[in-house]
Amino acid sequence: MKLGKVIGKVWATQKDPQLKGIKMYVMQPINEEYEPMGAPIIAADGVGSGEGEIVFWVSSREATLGIPGRIIPSDATIVGILDSSYTAPREEIENAKKSWKR
């Protein structure tokens, strides 16, 4: 799973019938420090998220299965809403990585 921020809505007057009733959002992929990573993408919403929320999302084959009970034509699907997060200081993370290599 990856992090993203919902930054806009998408309206489609015509779309694949399998997407009927599914909200679509413009989402900015972000890193663990909430910094933008790459260009915004369009994502199907499987959890009822809204504009401004930080979300978890999946891509590729997992995106087609991101809505329970349906297989949808999607390259990206929102599968969770982030309530809170904690990232250790960069130095602590680097020290932990060094100890993992032993």
N, C-alpha and C. Protein backbone atom coordinates (compact mmCIF):
# COMPACT_ATOMS: atom_id res chain seq x y z
N MET A 1 0.84 -1.18 0.00
CA MET A 1 0.00 0.00 0.00
C MET A 1 0.88 1.23 0.00
N LYS A 2 0.32 2.29 -0.54
CA LYS A 2 1.02 3.55 -0.64
C LYS A 2 0.18 4.64 -0.01
N LEU A 3 0.79 5.79 0.25
CA LEU A 3 0.06 6.93 0.80
C LEU A 3 -0.29 7.92 -0.29
N GLY A 4 -1.41 8.60 -0.11
CA GLY A 4 -1.83 9.64 -1.04
C GLY A 4 -2.70 10.65 -0.32
N LYS A 5 -2.90 11.79 -0.97
CA LYS A 5 -3.80 12.82 -0.44
C LYS A 5 -4.85 13.12 -1.49
N VAL A 6 -6.12 13.03 -1.10
CA VAL A 6 -7.22 13.33 -2.01
C VAL A 6 -7.25 14.85 -2.22
N ILE A 7 -7.11 15.26 -3.49
CA ILE A 7 -7.03 16.70 -3.78
C ILE A 7 -8.15 17.20 -4.69
N GLY A 8 -9.01 16.32 -5.15
CA GLY A 8 -10.09 16.75 -6.03
C GLY A 8 -11.04 15.63 -6.37
N LYS A 9 -12.15 15.99 -7.02
CA LYS A 9 -13.16 15.02 -7.43
C LYS A 9 -13.16 14.87 -8.95
N VAL A 10 -13.69 13.76 -9.41
CA VAL A 10 -13.84 13.51 -10.84
C VAL A 10 -15.30 13.19 -11.11
N TRP A 11 -15.87 13.83 -12.12
CA TRP A 11 -17.23 13.52 -12.57
C TRP A 11 -17.13 12.96 -13.97
N ALA A 12 -17.87 11.90 -14.24
CA ALA A 12 -17.87 11.29 -15.57
C ALA A 12 -19.32 11.04 -16.00
N THR A 13 -19.71 11.62 -17.12
CA THR A 13 -21.08 11.41 -17.60
C THR A 13 -21.22 10.04 -18.23
N GLN A 14 -20.11 9.50 -18.75
CA GLN A 14 -20.12 8.14 -19.29
C GLN A 14 -18.92 7.40 -18.71
N LYS A 15 -19.17 6.20 -18.23
CA LYS A 15 -18.09 5.39 -17.69
C LYS A 15 -18.46 3.92 -17.78
N ASP A 16 -17.52 3.05 -17.54
CA ASP A 16 -17.75 1.62 -17.56
C ASP A 16 -18.86 1.29 -16.56
N PRO A 17 -19.81 0.44 -16.94
CA PRO A 17 -20.91 0.09 -16.03
C PRO A 17 -20.44 -0.48 -14.69
N GLN A 18 -19.28 -1.11 -14.65
CA GLN A 18 -18.77 -1.66 -13.39
C GLN A 18 -18.38 -0.56 -12.40
N LEU A 19 -18.23 0.67 -12.88
CA LEU A 19 -17.87 1.79 -12.00
C LEU A 19 -19.10 2.56 -11.50
N LYS A 20 -20.29 2.09 -11.86
CA LYS A 20 -21.51 2.76 -11.43
C LYS A 20 -21.59 2.80 -9.90
N GLY A 21 -21.81 3.98 -9.36
CA GLY A 21 -21.93 4.15 -7.91
C GLY A 21 -20.62 4.29 -7.17
N ILE A 22 -19.50 4.28 -7.88
CA ILE A 22 -18.19 4.40 -7.24
C ILE A 22 -17.67 5.82 -7.44
N LYS A 23 -17.28 6.47 -6.36
CA LYS A 23 -16.70 7.81 -6.46
C LYS A 23 -15.27 7.71 -6.98
N MET A 24 -14.88 8.71 -7.75
CA MET A 24 -13.53 8.80 -8.29
C MET A 24 -12.92 10.12 -7.81
N TYR A 25 -11.66 10.05 -7.42
CA TYR A 25 -10.97 11.23 -6.90
C TYR A 25 -9.64 11.45 -7.61
N VAL A 26 -9.21 12.71 -7.60
CA VAL A 26 -7.85 13.06 -7.99
C VAL A 26 -7.03 12.92 -6.72
N MET A 27 -5.95 12.14 -6.79
CA MET A 27 -5.15 11.86 -5.61
C MET A 27 -3.68 12.13 -5.90
N GLN A 28 -3.02 12.81 -4.98
CA GLN A 28 -1.59 13.08 -5.09
C GLN A 28 -0.83 12.03 -4.29
N PRO A 29 -0.04 11.15 -4.94
CA PRO A 29 0.79 10.24 -4.17
C PRO A 29 1.78 11.03 -3.31
N ILE A 30 1.99 10.56 -2.07
CA ILE A 30 2.90 11.25 -1.16
C ILE A 30 3.82 10.23 -0.48
N ASN A 31 4.92 10.74 0.09
CA ASN A 31 5.82 9.85 0.84
C ASN A 31 5.45 9.91 2.33
N GLU A 32 6.26 9.26 3.16
CA GLU A 32 5.96 9.20 4.59
C GLU A 32 6.05 10.56 5.29
N GLU A 33 6.65 11.53 4.63
CA GLU A 33 6.74 12.88 5.19
C GLU A 33 5.69 13.80 4.56
N TYR A 34 4.71 13.21 3.88
CA TYR A 34 3.60 13.91 3.23
C TYR A 34 4.04 14.83 2.11
N GLU A 35 5.18 14.54 1.49
CA GLU A 35 5.67 15.31 0.35
C GLU A 35 5.18 14.66 -0.94
N PRO A 36 4.76 15.47 -1.93
CA PRO A 36 4.28 14.92 -3.19
C PRO A 36 5.33 14.06 -3.88
N MET A 37 4.86 12.98 -4.49
CA MET A 37 5.73 12.07 -5.25
C MET A 37 5.10 11.86 -6.63
N GLY A 38 5.65 12.50 -7.63
CA GLY A 38 5.12 12.32 -8.98
C GLY A 38 3.86 13.13 -9.22
N ALA A 39 3.22 12.79 -10.32
CA ALA A 39 2.02 13.50 -10.76
C ALA A 39 0.77 12.95 -10.07
N PRO A 40 -0.26 13.78 -9.92
CA PRO A 40 -1.52 13.28 -9.37
C PRO A 40 -2.11 12.20 -10.28
N ILE A 41 -2.92 11.32 -9.70
CA ILE A 41 -3.57 10.25 -10.45
C ILE A 41 -5.05 10.22 -10.10
N ILE A 42 -5.82 9.47 -10.88
CA ILE A 42 -7.23 9.26 -10.60
C ILE A 42 -7.37 7.92 -9.90
N ALA A 43 -8.15 7.89 -8.81
CA ALA A 43 -8.32 6.66 -8.03
C ALA A 43 -9.79 6.44 -7.71
N ALA A 44 -10.22 5.18 -7.79
CA ALA A 44 -11.55 4.79 -7.34
C ALA A 44 -11.54 4.78 -5.81
N ASP A 45 -12.67 5.13 -5.21
CA ASP A 45 -12.75 5.18 -3.75
C ASP A 45 -13.55 4.00 -3.22
N GLY A 46 -12.88 3.14 -2.46
CA GLY A 46 -13.54 1.98 -1.89
C GLY A 46 -13.92 2.11 -0.44
N VAL A 47 -13.65 3.27 0.18
CA VAL A 47 -13.86 3.39 1.64
C VAL A 47 -14.60 4.65 2.08
N GLY A 48 -15.05 5.47 1.17
CA GLY A 48 -15.79 6.67 1.56
C GLY A 48 -14.90 7.82 2.00
N SER A 49 -13.76 7.96 1.38
CA SER A 49 -12.86 9.06 1.74
C SER A 49 -13.38 10.38 1.15
N GLY A 50 -12.71 11.47 1.49
CA GLY A 50 -13.13 12.77 1.01
C GLY A 50 -11.94 13.67 0.73
N GLU A 51 -12.22 14.81 0.15
CA GLU A 51 -11.15 15.75 -0.19
C GLU A 51 -10.35 16.17 1.04
N GLY A 52 -9.03 16.22 0.87
CA GLY A 52 -8.13 16.64 1.93
C GLY A 52 -7.64 15.51 2.82
N GLU A 53 -8.23 14.32 2.70
CA GLU A 53 -7.83 13.21 3.58
C GLU A 53 -6.58 12.51 3.05
N ILE A 54 -5.79 12.00 4.00
CA ILE A 54 -4.64 11.17 3.68
C ILE A 54 -5.15 9.73 3.63
N VAL A 55 -4.82 9.02 2.54
CA VAL A 55 -5.38 7.69 2.31
C VAL A 55 -4.30 6.66 1.97
N PHE A 56 -4.67 5.39 2.11
CA PHE A 56 -3.86 4.27 1.61
C PHE A 56 -4.45 3.91 0.26
N TRP A 57 -3.60 3.54 -0.69
CA TRP A 57 -4.11 3.10 -1.98
C TRP A 57 -3.27 1.98 -2.55
N VAL A 58 -3.87 1.24 -3.45
CA VAL A 58 -3.20 0.13 -4.11
C VAL A 58 -3.29 0.34 -5.61
N SER A 59 -2.38 -0.32 -6.33
CA SER A 59 -2.36 -0.19 -7.79
C SER A 59 -2.27 -1.56 -8.43
N SER A 60 -2.25 -1.58 -9.73
CA SER A 60 -2.13 -2.80 -10.52
C SER A 60 -3.30 -3.74 -10.27
N ARG A 61 -3.04 -5.03 -10.21
CA ARG A 61 -4.09 -6.04 -10.03
C ARG A 61 -4.88 -5.81 -8.74
N GLU A 62 -4.19 -5.40 -7.68
CA GLU A 62 -4.88 -5.16 -6.41
C GLU A 62 -5.94 -4.07 -6.54
N ALA A 63 -5.72 -3.08 -7.41
CA ALA A 63 -6.68 -2.00 -7.59
C ALA A 63 -7.99 -2.50 -8.16
N THR A 64 -7.95 -3.52 -9.00
CA THR A 64 -9.18 -4.06 -9.57
C THR A 64 -10.02 -4.78 -8.53
N LEU A 65 -9.39 -5.18 -7.42
CA LEU A 65 -10.08 -5.92 -6.36
C LEU A 65 -10.31 -5.08 -5.10
N GLY A 66 -10.10 -3.76 -5.19
CA GLY A 66 -10.15 -2.89 -4.02
C GLY A 66 -11.53 -2.59 -3.48
N ILE A 67 -12.58 -2.96 -4.20
CA ILE A 67 -13.95 -2.73 -3.75
C ILE A 67 -14.56 -4.11 -3.47
N PRO A 68 -14.95 -4.38 -2.23
CA PRO A 68 -15.47 -5.70 -1.89
C PRO A 68 -16.63 -6.14 -2.80
N GLY A 69 -16.53 -7.38 -3.27
CA GLY A 69 -17.59 -7.95 -4.09
C GLY A 69 -17.62 -7.52 -5.53
N ARG A 70 -16.62 -6.75 -5.96
CA ARG A 70 -16.60 -6.26 -7.34
C ARG A 70 -15.20 -6.36 -7.92
N ILE A 71 -15.15 -6.53 -9.22
CA ILE A 71 -13.89 -6.42 -9.96
C ILE A 71 -14.09 -5.23 -10.88
N ILE A 72 -13.29 -4.19 -10.69
CA ILE A 72 -13.49 -2.94 -11.43
C ILE A 72 -12.30 -2.65 -12.34
N PRO A 73 -12.52 -1.90 -13.41
CA PRO A 73 -11.42 -1.48 -14.27
C PRO A 73 -10.74 -0.25 -13.68
N SER A 74 -9.73 -0.46 -12.86
CA SER A 74 -9.06 0.64 -12.17
C SER A 74 -7.56 0.38 -12.06
N ASP A 75 -6.77 1.42 -12.22
CA ASP A 75 -5.32 1.32 -12.02
C ASP A 75 -4.94 1.71 -10.60
N ALA A 76 -5.84 2.40 -9.89
CA ALA A 76 -5.57 2.83 -8.51
C ALA A 76 -6.89 2.86 -7.74
N THR A 77 -6.87 2.28 -6.53
CA THR A 77 -8.06 2.27 -5.70
C THR A 77 -7.68 2.62 -4.26
N ILE A 78 -8.46 3.53 -3.68
CA ILE A 78 -8.27 3.92 -2.27
C ILE A 78 -8.88 2.82 -1.41
N VAL A 79 -8.07 2.28 -0.48
CA VAL A 79 -8.53 1.16 0.36
C VAL A 79 -8.50 1.47 1.86
N GLY A 80 -8.08 2.66 2.24
CA GLY A 80 -8.04 3.00 3.66
C GLY A 80 -7.86 4.48 3.87
N ILE A 81 -8.28 4.95 5.03
CA ILE A 81 -8.10 6.36 5.42
C ILE A 81 -7.15 6.39 6.62
N LEU A 82 -6.12 7.21 6.54
CA LEU A 82 -5.13 7.30 7.60
C LEU A 82 -5.66 8.15 8.75
N ASP A 83 -5.72 7.58 9.94
CA ASP A 83 -6.16 8.32 11.13
C ASP A 83 -4.99 9.07 11.76
N SER A 84 -3.85 8.40 11.88
CA SER A 84 -2.65 9.03 12.43
C SER A 84 -1.44 8.23 11.99
N SER A 85 -0.29 8.84 12.12
CA SER A 85 0.95 8.13 11.75
C SER A 85 2.10 8.66 12.59
N TYR A 86 3.14 7.84 12.66
CA TYR A 86 4.34 8.24 13.36
C TYR A 86 5.52 7.75 12.55
N THR A 87 6.46 8.62 12.32
CA THR A 87 7.70 8.25 11.64
C THR A 87 8.84 8.60 12.58
N ALA A 88 9.69 7.62 12.84
CA ALA A 88 10.85 7.85 13.69
C ALA A 88 11.79 8.85 13.02
N PRO A 89 12.63 9.53 13.81
CA PRO A 89 13.61 10.44 13.21
C PRO A 89 14.50 9.69 12.21
N ARG A 90 14.90 10.36 11.17
CA ARG A 90 15.68 9.76 10.08
C ARG A 90 16.91 9.01 10.61
N GLU A 91 17.61 9.59 11.59
CA GLU A 91 18.80 8.95 12.16
C GLU A 91 18.46 7.59 12.78
N GLU A 92 17.35 7.53 13.48
CA GLU A 92 16.92 6.27 14.11
C GLU A 92 16.61 5.21 13.05
N ILE A 93 15.98 5.63 11.97
CA ILE A 93 15.65 4.70 10.88
C ILE A 93 16.93 4.19 10.23
N GLU A 94 17.89 5.06 9.97
CA GLU A 94 19.15 4.65 9.34
C GLU A 94 19.91 3.67 10.24
N ASN A 95 19.94 3.93 11.54
CA ASN A 95 20.62 3.02 12.48
C ASN A 95 19.93 1.65 12.49
N ALA A 96 18.61 1.65 12.43
CA ALA A 96 17.89 0.38 12.40
C ALA A 96 18.21 -0.40 11.12
N LYS A 97 18.29 0.29 10.00
CA LYS A 97 18.62 -0.38 8.73
C LYS A 97 19.99 -1.04 8.80
N LYS A 98 20.96 -0.36 9.42
CA LYS A 98 22.30 -0.92 9.53
C LYS A 98 22.28 -2.20 10.36
N SER A 99 21.49 -2.23 11.43
CA SER A 99 21.46 -3.42 12.28
C SER A 99 20.73 -4.57 11.58
N TRP A 100 19.83 -4.29 10.67
CA TRP A 100 19.11 -5.34 9.94
C TRP A 100 20.02 -6.06 8.98
N LYS A 101 21.06 -5.41 8.48
CA LYS A 101 21.96 -5.98 7.49
C LYS A 101 22.93 -6.99 8.08
N ARG A 102 23.03 -7.07 9.38
CA ARG A 102 24.00 -7.97 10.02
C ARG A 102 23.59 -9.40 9.91
